[in-house]
Amino acid sequence: MSTSPKGFAVHIPFVEMVGLEFVSCDAGAAELAITLRDELCNSWSVAHGGVTMTLLDVVMAHAARSPNQPGHPTSESVVTIEMKTSFMRPGLGRLVGKGRLLQRTASMAFCEASVFDEAGQLVAHGTGTFKYIRGLPAGGRRIQRPDASD
């Protein structure tokens, strides 16, 4: 699996800008972390829900494409099909996301993840469905609209 300079499976500019930190990824499991900064918090000075959901999404995607899955080759490309999140308590300080691949087919992955605070308390839990895809060319797909001009 090729990696970005920060240890992630692929270069994802948004993930790097938010500040997610790679911890581990192997055999259907992944762990990522983030240290909260003011710009990642809501008006109550706790983790913004979007930050928590991003951590859940990315850690599940890494679990889905992790190396060393028995009977499956490493897949570097997945896209989120759906995701459900339950928030348990406000996120403060350094948050750790732990993701796990529950089931895999040739084209789909079913995952779950939890986010914990510095005290080890559960902040949020999520489940997600991911689709394995072939990598897109640099710049992604270009959609042609009949009424769009170049």
Foldseek 3Di string as FASTA:
>chain_A
DDADPQRHLDDDPVCVVQPKHFDDAAQFKGKIKHFDDQVQPDPVSFGDPVSVVVRFVRRQVRSVQGCDHPPDHRFSDKDWPDKDKDFDATAHGMKMKMKGFDDDDPFKTKIKMFIAHPVRDTGMIMITMMTGDDDAPPPGDDDDDPPDDD
